[in-house]
Amino acid sequence: MTDLPQAAVEALDAFTQASGWEQRARLLMQWGERLEPLSESERSDANLVSGCESHVWLVGVPHAGRWHFRATSDARLIRGLLAVLLARVNGLDAGELAAVDMADWFSRLGLSRQLSPSRSNGMTAVLRRMRELTG
């Protein structure tokens, strides 16, 4: 898939213009603040993503064959990573979601070197859970 969702284009523009890790970290925090909130009932064990060191809750709803996800975490940096992942995947259908290369996405954003193995594993777990929900 060559066409990115509009939110992904905006993320790519913002993060590629950042001059270094400090600016990208600030951007991540700002993007994390934009996440659509989850209700207390949505922060349930059923929506908790396994495989993440931090608590991450994920809900997904299909709209006319395209998926819209909402997520949050108890960790600020993770909320930012979730926000840019959601920017990349929201609005995709199940087939398009299955083709998303998360490592490439974070690399294009200039964030892959700063992703610790545990954060990378956590984001992989989130994407895997999204694919389970759409399957």
Protein backbone atom coordinates (compact mmCIF):
# COMPACT_ATOMS: atom_id res chain seq x y z
CA MET A 1 0.00 0.00 0.00
CA THR A 2 1.60 3.24 -1.11
CA ASP A 3 -1.11 5.65 0.01
CA LEU A 4 -0.85 6.55 3.66
CA PRO A 5 -3.82 7.66 5.73
CA GLN A 6 -3.90 11.46 6.18
CA ALA A 7 -2.95 11.18 9.87
CA ALA A 8 0.10 9.09 8.90
CA VAL A 9 1.18 11.74 6.38
CA GLU A 10 0.90 14.37 9.12
CA ALA A 11 2.95 12.22 11.51
CA LEU A 12 5.61 11.61 8.87
CA ASP A 13 5.84 15.34 8.11
CA ALA A 14 6.09 16.29 11.79
CA PHE A 15 8.62 13.66 12.80
CA THR A 16 10.90 13.97 9.77
CA GLN A 17 11.16 17.72 10.39
CA ALA A 18 12.29 17.14 13.99
CA SER A 19 16.02 17.73 14.25
CA GLY A 20 16.86 15.18 16.91
CA TRP A 21 15.67 12.76 19.55
CA GLU A 22 14.71 15.49 22.03
CA GLN A 23 12.35 17.09 19.51
CA ARG A 24 10.93 13.70 18.54
CA ALA A 25 10.39 12.80 22.20
CA ARG A 26 8.48 16.07 22.72
CA LEU A 27 6.42 15.32 19.61
CA LEU A 28 5.65 11.84 20.93
CA MET A 29 4.39 13.31 24.19
CA GLN A 30 2.22 15.81 22.28
CA TRP A 31 0.82 13.13 19.98
CA GLY A 32 0.10 10.92 23.00
CA GLU A 33 -2.02 13.69 24.50
CA ARG A 34 -4.21 13.61 21.37
CA LEU A 35 -5.34 10.02 21.88
CA GLU A 36 -9.08 9.57 22.08
CA PRO A 37 -9.82 8.69 25.71
CA LEU A 38 -11.01 5.26 26.76
CA SER A 39 -13.78 4.96 29.31
CA GLU A 40 -13.17 3.18 32.59
CA SER A 41 -15.19 0.22 31.30
CA GLU A 42 -12.97 0.06 28.18
CA ARG A 43 -9.90 -0.15 30.43
CA SER A 44 -10.85 -3.74 31.19
CA ASP A 45 -8.78 -6.91 31.27
CA ALA A 46 -10.49 -7.96 28.03
CA ASN A 47 -8.96 -4.94 26.25
CA LEU A 48 -5.53 -5.21 27.91
CA VAL A 49 -2.83 -6.10 25.36
CA SER A 50 -0.66 -8.98 26.54
CA GLY A 51 3.04 -8.75 25.75
CA CYS A 52 3.50 -5.15 26.88
CA GLU A 53 5.54 -4.20 29.95
CA SER A 54 3.32 -1.14 30.47
CA HIS A 55 -0.44 -1.44 30.63
CA VAL A 56 -1.89 -0.90 27.15
CA TRP A 57 -5.59 -1.06 26.41
CA LEU A 58 -6.86 -1.36 22.83
CA VAL A 59 -10.34 -1.28 21.33
CA GLY A 60 -11.21 -1.56 17.66
CA VAL A 61 -14.45 -0.97 15.78
CA PRO A 62 -15.13 -1.60 12.09
CA HIS A 63 -16.88 1.10 10.05
CA ALA A 64 -17.88 -0.01 6.55
CA GLY A 65 -15.06 -2.54 6.42
CA ARG A 66 -12.43 -0.10 7.68
CA TRP A 67 -11.09 -0.21 11.21
CA HIS A 68 -10.86 2.50 13.82
CA PHE A 69 -8.75 1.79 16.88
CA ARG A 70 -8.42 3.63 20.15
CA ALA A 71 -5.72 2.87 22.68
CA THR A 72 -4.07 4.23 25.78
CA SER A 73 -1.33 3.34 28.21
CA ASP A 74 -0.24 4.20 31.71
CA ALA A 75 3.14 5.31 30.27
CA ARG A 76 3.50 8.69 28.52
CA LEU A 77 6.06 7.61 25.93
CA ILE A 78 4.01 4.53 25.07
CA ARG A 79 0.93 6.73 24.55
CA GLY A 80 2.97 8.69 21.99
CA LEU A 81 4.09 5.51 20.22
CA LEU A 82 0.48 4.30 20.21
CA ALA A 83 -0.65 7.61 18.71
CA VAL A 84 1.73 7.35 15.75
CA LEU A 85 0.88 3.67 15.28
CA LEU A 86 -2.84 4.54 15.25
CA ALA A 87 -2.13 7.33 12.76
CA ARG A 88 -0.68 4.66 10.47
CA VAL A 89 -3.41 2.03 10.83
CA ASN A 90 -6.72 3.80 11.45
CA GLY A 91 -8.96 3.66 8.40
CA LEU A 92 -7.39 0.54 6.93
CA ASP A 93 -9.23 -2.65 6.09
CA ALA A 94 -8.06 -5.99 7.47
CA GLY A 95 -5.94 -6.78 4.40
CA GLU A 96 -4.19 -3.42 4.48
CA LEU A 97 -3.60 -3.77 8.22
CA ALA A 98 -2.04 -7.20 7.69
CA ALA A 99 0.46 -5.61 5.27
CA VAL A 100 1.63 -2.84 7.64
CA ASP A 101 5.36 -3.04 8.33
CA MET A 102 5.66 -1.56 11.80
CA ALA A 103 9.48 -1.56 11.85
CA ASP A 104 9.53 0.36 8.56
CA TRP A 105 6.94 2.84 9.87
CA PHE A 106 8.92 3.66 13.02
CA SER A 107 12.10 3.84 10.96
CA ARG A 108 10.51 6.35 8.56
CA LEU A 109 9.49 8.44 11.58
CA GLY A 110 13.08 8.39 12.84
CA LEU A 111 12.04 6.55 16.00
CA SER A 112 13.40 3.04 15.51
CA ARG A 113 16.80 3.65 17.13
CA GLN A 114 15.11 4.95 20.26
CA LEU A 115 12.76 1.99 20.57
CA SER A 116 14.12 -0.30 23.26
CA PRO A 117 13.58 -4.03 22.65
CA SER A 118 10.79 -4.07 25.25
CA ARG A 119 9.00 -1.08 23.62
CA SER A 120 9.43 -2.62 20.19
CA ASN A 121 8.02 -5.92 21.47
CA GLY A 122 5.12 -4.02 23.03
CA MET A 123 4.26 -2.22 19.80
CA THR A 124 4.50 -5.55 17.96
CA ALA A 125 2.06 -7.01 20.50
CA VAL A 126 -0.34 -4.10 19.89
CA LEU A 127 -0.21 -4.60 16.11
CA ARG A 128 -0.67 -8.36 16.56
CA ARG A 129 -3.76 -7.69 18.74
CA MET A 130 -5.14 -5.32 16.06
CA ARG A 131 -4.75 -8.07 13.48
CA GLU A 132 -6.51 -10.53 15.80
CA LEU A 133 -9.44 -8.11 16.19
CA THR A 134 -9.75 -7.65 12.41
CA GLY A 135 -9.38 -11.35 11.60
